[in-house]
PDB file of N, CA and C in Angstrom:
ATOM      1  N   UNK A   1       7.529  15.707  13.602  1.00  0.00           N
ATOM      2  CA  UNK A   1       8.576  15.478  12.634  1.00  0.00           C
ATOM      3  C   UNK A   1       9.004  13.511  13.562  1.00  0.00           C
ATOM      4  N   UNK A   2       7.842  12.942  13.782  1.00  0.00           N
ATOM      5  CA  UNK A   2       7.918  11.707  14.071  1.00  0.00           C
ATOM      6  C   UNK A   2       8.079  10.822  13.072  1.00  0.00           C
ATOM      7  N   UNK A   3       9.284  10.019  12.462  1.00  0.00           N
ATOM      8  CA  UNK A   3       9.511   9.202  11.383  1.00  0.00           C
ATOM      9  C   UNK A   3       8.209   8.024  10.958  1.00  0.00           C
ATOM     10  N   UNK A   4       7.762   7.718  12.412  1.00  0.00           N
ATOM     11  CA  UNK A   4       6.545   6.804  12.013  1.00  0.00           C
ATOM     12  C   UNK A   4       5.465   7.027  11.578  1.00  0.00           C
ATOM     13  N   UNK A   5       4.783   7.894  12.213  1.00  0.00           N
ATOM     14  CA  UNK A   5       3.682   9.117  11.688  1.00  0.00           C
ATOM     15  C   UNK A   5       4.085   9.408  10.658  1.00  0.00           C
ATOM     16  N   UNK A   6       4.936  10.262  10.450  1.00  0.00           N
ATOM     17  CA  UNK A   6       5.668  10.469   8.526  1.00  0.00           C
ATOM     18  C   UNK A   6       4.742   9.491   7.808  1.00  0.00           C
ATOM     19  N   UNK A   7       5.328   7.908   7.619  1.00  0.00           N
ATOM     20  CA  UNK A   7       5.238   6.929   7.415  1.00  0.00           C
ATOM     21  C   UNK A   7       4.229   6.719   6.676  1.00  0.00           C
ATOM     22  N   UNK A   8       3.452   6.971   8.060  1.00  0.00           N
ATOM     23  CA  UNK A   8       1.911   6.730   7.788  1.00  0.00           C
ATOM     24  C   UNK A   8       0.922   7.531   7.162  1.00  0.00           C
ATOM     25  N   UNK A   9       1.381   8.772   7.447  1.00  0.00           N
ATOM     26  CA  UNK A   9       0.731   9.624   6.343  1.00  0.00           C
ATOM     27  C   UNK A   9       1.216   9.424   4.990  1.00  0.00           C
ATOM     28  N   UNK A  10       2.351   9.592   4.774  1.00  0.00           N
ATOM     29  CA  UNK A  10       2.650   9.263   3.267  1.00  0.00           C
ATOM     30  C   UNK A  10       2.104   8.005   2.706  1.00  0.00           C
ATOM     31  N   UNK A  11       1.887   6.959   3.142  1.00  0.00           N
ATOM     32  CA  UNK A  11       1.198   5.629   2.727  1.00  0.00           C
ATOM     33  C   UNK A  11       0.003   6.179   2.908  1.00  0.00           C
ATOM     34  N   UNK A  12      -0.903   6.575   3.617  1.00  0.00           N
ATOM     35  CA  UNK A  12      -2.251   6.567   3.305  1.00  0.00           C
ATOM     36  C   UNK A  12      -2.164   7.882   1.896  1.00  0.00           C
ATOM     37  N   UNK A  13      -1.732   8.992   2.175  1.00  0.00           N
ATOM     38  CA  UNK A  13      -1.913   9.798   0.725  1.00  0.00           C
ATOM     39  C   UNK A  13      -1.556   9.221  -0.436  1.00  0.00           C
ATOM     40  N   UNK A  14      -0.558   8.154  -0.353  1.00  0.00           N
ATOM     41  CA  UNK A  14      -0.460   7.214  -1.625  1.00  0.00           C
ATOM     42  C   UNK A  14      -1.465   6.874  -2.224  1.00  0.00           C
ATOM     43  N   UNK A  15      -2.161   6.058  -0.998  1.00  0.00           N
ATOM     44  CA  UNK A  15      -3.104   5.114  -1.246  1.00  0.00           C
ATOM     45  C   UNK A  15      -4.241   5.550  -1.958  1.00  0.00           C
ATOM     46  N   UNK A  16      -4.678   6.940  -1.100  1.00  0.00           N
ATOM     47  CA  UNK A  16      -5.259   7.150  -1.250  1.00  0.00           C
ATOM     48  C   UNK A  16      -5.495   8.233  -3.038  1.00  0.00           C
ATOM     49  N   UNK A  17      -4.323   8.226  -3.452  1.00  0.00           N
ATOM     50  CA  UNK A  17      -3.587   8.819  -4.810  1.00  0.00           C
ATOM     51  C   UNK A  17      -4.098   7.772  -5.586  1.00  0.00           C
ATOM     52  N   UNK A  18      -3.856   6.860  -5.396  1.00  0.00           N
ATOM     53  CA  UNK A  18      -4.106   5.382  -6.052  1.00  0.00           C
ATOM     54  C   UNK A  18      -5.389   4.989  -6.167  1.00  0.00           C
ATOM     55  N   UNK A  19      -6.261   5.079  -5.434  1.00  0.00           N
ATOM     56  CA  UNK A  19      -7.994   4.865  -5.304  1.00  0.00           C
ATOM     57  C   UNK A  19      -8.208   5.789  -6.154  1.00  0.00           C
ATOM     58  N   UNK A  20      -7.743   6.948  -6.588  1.00  0.00           N
ATOM     59  CA  UNK A  20      -8.375   7.783  -6.981  1.00  0.00           C
ATOM     60  C   UNK A  20      -8.221   7.597  -8.490  1.00  0.00           C
ATOM     61  N   UNK A  21      -7.010   7.227  -8.791  1.00  0.00           N
ATOM     62  CA  UNK A  21      -6.679   6.994  -9.934  1.00  0.00           C
ATOM     63  C   UNK A  21      -7.683   5.674 -10.817  1.00  0.00           C
ATOM     64  N   UNK A  22      -7.591   4.783  -9.597  1.00  0.00           N
ATOM     65  CA  UNK A  22      -8.120   3.565 -10.237  1.00  0.00           C
ATOM     66  C   UNK A  22      -9.948   3.837 -10.438  1.00  0.00           C
ATOM     67  N   UNK A  23     -10.333   4.810  -9.480  1.00  0.00           N
ATOM     68  CA  UNK A  23     -12.047   5.273 -10.117  1.00  0.00           C
ATOM     69  C   UNK A  23     -11.524   5.982 -11.544  1.00  0.00           C
ATOM     70  N   UNK A  24     -10.757   6.170 -11.740  1.00  0.00           N
ATOM     71  CA  UNK A  24     -10.577   7.366 -13.210  1.00  0.00           C
ATOM     72  C   UNK A  24     -10.341   6.523 -14.220  1.00  0.00           C
ATOM     73  N   UNK A  25      -9.942   5.100 -14.096  1.00  0.00           N
ATOM     74  CA  UNK A  25      -9.828   4.450 -15.008  1.00  0.00           C
ATOM     75  C   UNK A  25      -8.424   3.774 -15.055  1.00  0.00           C
ATOM     76  N   UNK A  26      -7.303   4.189 -13.953  1.00  0.00           N
ATOM     77  CA  UNK A  26      -6.311   3.954 -14.599  1.00  0.00           C
ATOM     78  C   UNK A  26      -6.045   2.310 -13.647  1.00  0.00           C
ATOM     79  N   UNK A  27      -5.531   1.447 -14.735  1.00  0.00           N
ATOM     80  CA  UNK A  27      -5.376   0.075 -13.995  1.00  0.00           C
ATOM     81  C   UNK A  27      -4.231  -0.474 -13.634  1.00  0.00           C
ATOM     82  N   UNK A  28      -3.054   0.022 -14.053  1.00  0.00           N
ATOM     83  CA  UNK A  28      -1.582  -0.444 -14.274  1.00  0.00           C
ATOM     84  C   UNK A  28      -0.843   0.637 -13.118  1.00  0.00           C
ATOM     85  N   UNK A  29      -0.247   0.046 -12.168  1.00  0.00           N
ATOM     86  CA  UNK A  29       0.775   1.069 -11.535  1.00  0.00           C
ATOM     87  C   UNK A  29       2.018   0.884 -11.364  1.00  0.00           C
ATOM     88  N   UNK A  30       3.176   1.258 -11.090  1.00  0.00           N
ATOM     89  CA  UNK A  30       4.321   0.686 -10.318  1.00  0.00           C
ATOM     90  C   UNK A  30       5.029   1.676 -10.147  1.00  0.00           C
ATOM     91  N   UNK A  31       5.384   1.437  -8.937  1.00  0.00           N
ATOM     92  CA  UNK A  31       6.177   2.138  -7.644  1.00  0.00           C
ATOM     93  C   UNK A  31       7.747   1.658  -7.738  1.00  0.00           C
ATOM     94  N   UNK A  32       8.204   3.117  -7.281  1.00  0.00           N
ATOM     95  CA  UNK A  32       9.414   2.821  -7.236  1.00  0.00           C
ATOM     96  C   UNK A  32       9.618   2.997  -5.479  1.00  0.00           C
ATOM     97  N   UNK A  33      10.498   1.982  -5.227  1.00  0.00           N
ATOM     98  CA  UNK A  33      10.597   1.952  -3.621  1.00  0.00           C
ATOM     99  C   UNK A  33      11.953   2.845  -3.364  1.00  0.00           C
ATOM    100  N   UNK A  34      12.707   3.088  -4.107  1.00  0.00           N
ATOM    101  CA  UNK A  34      14.124   3.911  -3.287  1.00  0.00           C
ATOM    102  C   UNK A  34      14.253   3.350  -1.959  1.00  0.00           C
ATOM    103  N   UNK A  35      14.547   2.052  -1.974  1.00  0.00           N
ATOM    104  CA  UNK A  35      14.812   1.046  -0.597  1.00  0.00           C
ATOM    105  C   UNK A  35      13.998   1.564   0.581  1.00  0.00           C
ATOM    106  N   UNK A  36      12.558   1.772   0.125  1.00  0.00           N
ATOM    107  CA  UNK A  36      11.575   1.986   1.257  1.00  0.00           C
ATOM    108  C   UNK A  36      10.603   1.051   1.080  1.00  0.00           C
ATOM    109  N   UNK A  37      10.719  -0.005   0.634  1.00  0.00           N
ATOM    110  CA  UNK A  37       9.812  -1.179   0.356  1.00  0.00           C
ATOM    111  C   UNK A  37       8.421  -1.191   1.746  1.00  0.00           C
ATOM    112  N   UNK A  38       9.174  -0.989   2.625  1.00  0.00           N
ATOM    113  CA  UNK A  38       8.166  -0.723   3.438  1.00  0.00           C
ATOM    114  C   UNK A  38       7.289   0.130   3.451  1.00  0.00           C
ATOM    115  N   UNK A  39       7.062   1.132   2.701  1.00  0.00           N
ATOM    116  CA  UNK A  39       6.288   2.059   2.516  1.00  0.00           C
ATOM    117  C   UNK A  39       5.500   1.639   1.102  1.00  0.00           C
ATOM    118  N   UNK A  40       6.117   0.930   0.494  1.00  0.00           N
ATOM    119  CA  UNK A  40       5.138   0.531  -0.713  1.00  0.00           C
ATOM    120  C   UNK A  40       4.515  -0.600  -0.556  1.00  0.00           C
ATOM    121  N   UNK A  41       4.615  -1.346   0.307  1.00  0.00           N
ATOM    122  CA  UNK A  41       4.116  -2.463   0.789  1.00  0.00           C
ATOM    123  C   UNK A  41       2.791  -2.175   2.050  1.00  0.00           C
ATOM    124  N   UNK A  42       3.182  -1.255   2.226  1.00  0.00           N
ATOM    125  CA  UNK A  42       1.975  -0.397   3.370  1.00  0.00           C
ATOM    126  C   UNK A  42       0.609  -0.126   2.161  1.00  0.00           C
ATOM    127  N   UNK A  43       1.039   0.533   1.578  1.00  0.00           N
ATOM    128  CA  UNK A  43       0.293   1.458   0.277  1.00  0.00           C
ATOM    129  C   UNK A  43      -0.442   0.253  -0.466  1.00  0.00           C
ATOM    130  N   UNK A  44       0.396  -0.637  -0.796  1.00  0.00           N
ATOM    131  CA  UNK A  44      -0.554  -2.286  -1.207  1.00  0.00           C
ATOM    132  C   UNK A  44      -1.434  -2.620  -0.353  1.00  0.00           C
ATOM    133  N   UNK A  45      -1.331  -2.943   0.750  1.00  0.00           N
ATOM    134  CA  UNK A  45      -2.043  -3.313   1.924  1.00  0.00           C
ATOM    135  C   UNK A  45      -2.867  -2.074   1.879  1.00  0.00           C
ATOM    136  N   UNK A  46      -2.816  -1.135   1.854  1.00  0.00           N
ATOM    137  CA  UNK A  46      -4.348  -0.257   2.078  1.00  0.00           C
ATOM    138  C   UNK A  46      -5.233  -0.423   0.838  1.00  0.00           C
ATOM    139  N   UNK A  47      -4.408  -0.521  -0.142  1.00  0.00           N
ATOM    140  CA  UNK A  47      -5.333  -0.561  -1.167  1.00  0.00           C
ATOM    141  C   UNK A  47      -5.985  -2.025  -1.845  1.00  0.00           C
ATOM    142  N   UNK A  48      -5.783  -3.096  -0.756  1.00  0.00           N
ATOM    143  CA  UNK A  48      -6.270  -4.430  -1.392  1.00  0.00           C
ATOM    144  C   UNK A  48      -4.962  -5.493  -1.954  1.00  0.00           C
ATOM    145  N   UNK A  49      -4.053  -4.716  -1.987  1.00  0.00           N
ATOM    146  CA  UNK A  49      -3.143  -5.704  -2.470  1.00  0.00           C
ATOM    147  C   UNK A  49      -2.133  -6.590  -1.664  1.00  0.00           C
ATOM    148  N   UNK A  50      -2.447  -7.826  -2.066  1.00  0.00           N
ATOM    149  CA  UNK A  50      -1.569  -8.720  -0.625  1.00  0.00           C
ATOM    150  C   UNK A  50      -0.796  -9.727  -1.138  1.00  0.00           C
ATOM    151  N   UNK A  51       0.653 -10.134  -0.168  1.00  0.00           N
ATOM    152  CA  UNK A  51       1.094 -11.245  -1.040  1.00  0.00           C
ATOM    153  C   UNK A  51       0.173 -12.556  -0.382  1.00  0.00           C
ATOM    154  N   UNK A  52       0.924 -13.556  -1.489  1.00  0.00           N
ATOM    155  CA  UNK A  52       0.101 -14.645  -1.047  1.00  0.00           C
ATOM    156  C   UNK A  52       0.109 -14.958   0.393  1.00  0.00           C
ATOM    157  N   UNK A  53       1.203 -15.104   0.691  1.00  0.00           N
ATOM    158  CA  UNK A  53       1.507 -15.584   2.558  1.00  0.00           C
ATOM    159  C   UNK A  53       0.900 -14.225   3.100  1.00  0.00           C
ATOM    160  N   UNK A  54       0.850 -13.403   3.009  1.00  0.00           N
ATOM    161  CA  UNK A  54      -0.099 -12.790   3.903  1.00  0.00           C
ATOM    162  C   UNK A  54      -1.703 -12.963   3.658  1.00  0.00           C
ATOM    163  N   UNK A  55      -2.092 -13.465   2.595  1.00  0.00           N
ATOM    164  CA  UNK A  55      -3.806 -14.075   2.295  1.00  0.00           C
ATOM    165  C   UNK A  55      -3.810 -15.224   3.197  1.00  0.00           C
ATOM    166  N   UNK A  56      -2.576 -16.056   2.893  1.00  0.00           N
ATOM    167  CA  UNK A  56      -2.961 -16.979   3.854  1.00  0.00           C
ATOM    168  C   UNK A  56      -2.879 -17.392   5.299  1.00  0.00           C
ATOM    169  N   UNK A  57      -1.588 -16.340   5.755  1.00  0.00           N
ATOM    170  CA  UNK A  57      -1.797 -15.688   7.084  1.00  0.00           C
ATOM    171  C   UNK A  57      -3.121 -15.814   8.035  1.00  0.00           C
ATOM    172  N   UNK A  58      -4.048 -14.530   6.746  1.00  0.00           N
ATOM    173  CA  UNK A  58      -5.331 -13.935   7.590  1.00  0.00           C
ATOM    174  C   UNK A  58      -6.339 -15.295   7.284  1.00  0.00           C
ATOM    175  N   UNK A  59      -5.914 -16.090   6.154  1.00  0.00           N
ATOM    176  CA  UNK A  59      -7.130 -17.147   6.234  1.00  0.00           C
ATOM    177  C   UNK A  59      -6.646 -18.102   7.566  1.00  0.00           C
ATOM    178  N   UNK A  60      -5.514 -18.432   7.584  1.00  0.00           N
ATOM    179  CA  UNK A  60      -5.608 -19.197   8.883  1.00  0.00           C
ATOM    180  C   UNK A  60      -5.809 -18.969  10.453  1.00  0.00           C
ATOM    181  N   UNK A  61      -5.921 -17.474  10.248  1.00  0.00           N
ATOM    182  CA  UNK A  61      -6.483 -16.795  11.480  1.00  0.00           C
ATOM    183  C   UNK A  61      -7.926 -16.752  11.910  1.00  0.00           C
ATOM    184  N   UNK A  62      -8.408 -16.928  10.650  1.00  0.00           N
ATOM    185  CA  UNK A  62      -9.867 -16.426  10.770  1.00  0.00           C
ATOM    186  C   UNK A  62     -10.381 -17.894  11.432  1.00  0.00           C
TER     187      UNK A  62
END
């Protein structure tokens, strides 16, 4: 019942579902954050959607 592990598993499962839907032709998604934007941010990061700030930081680090 570790909250961090629970969040990681939840994010991974959601990302897997999104990628499966993309493979099946779904192109648009809407995430309800329910005051848990950190989980949605993690899902977006896992599926390759990143903010401009994160992309810029990644480029600067390379």
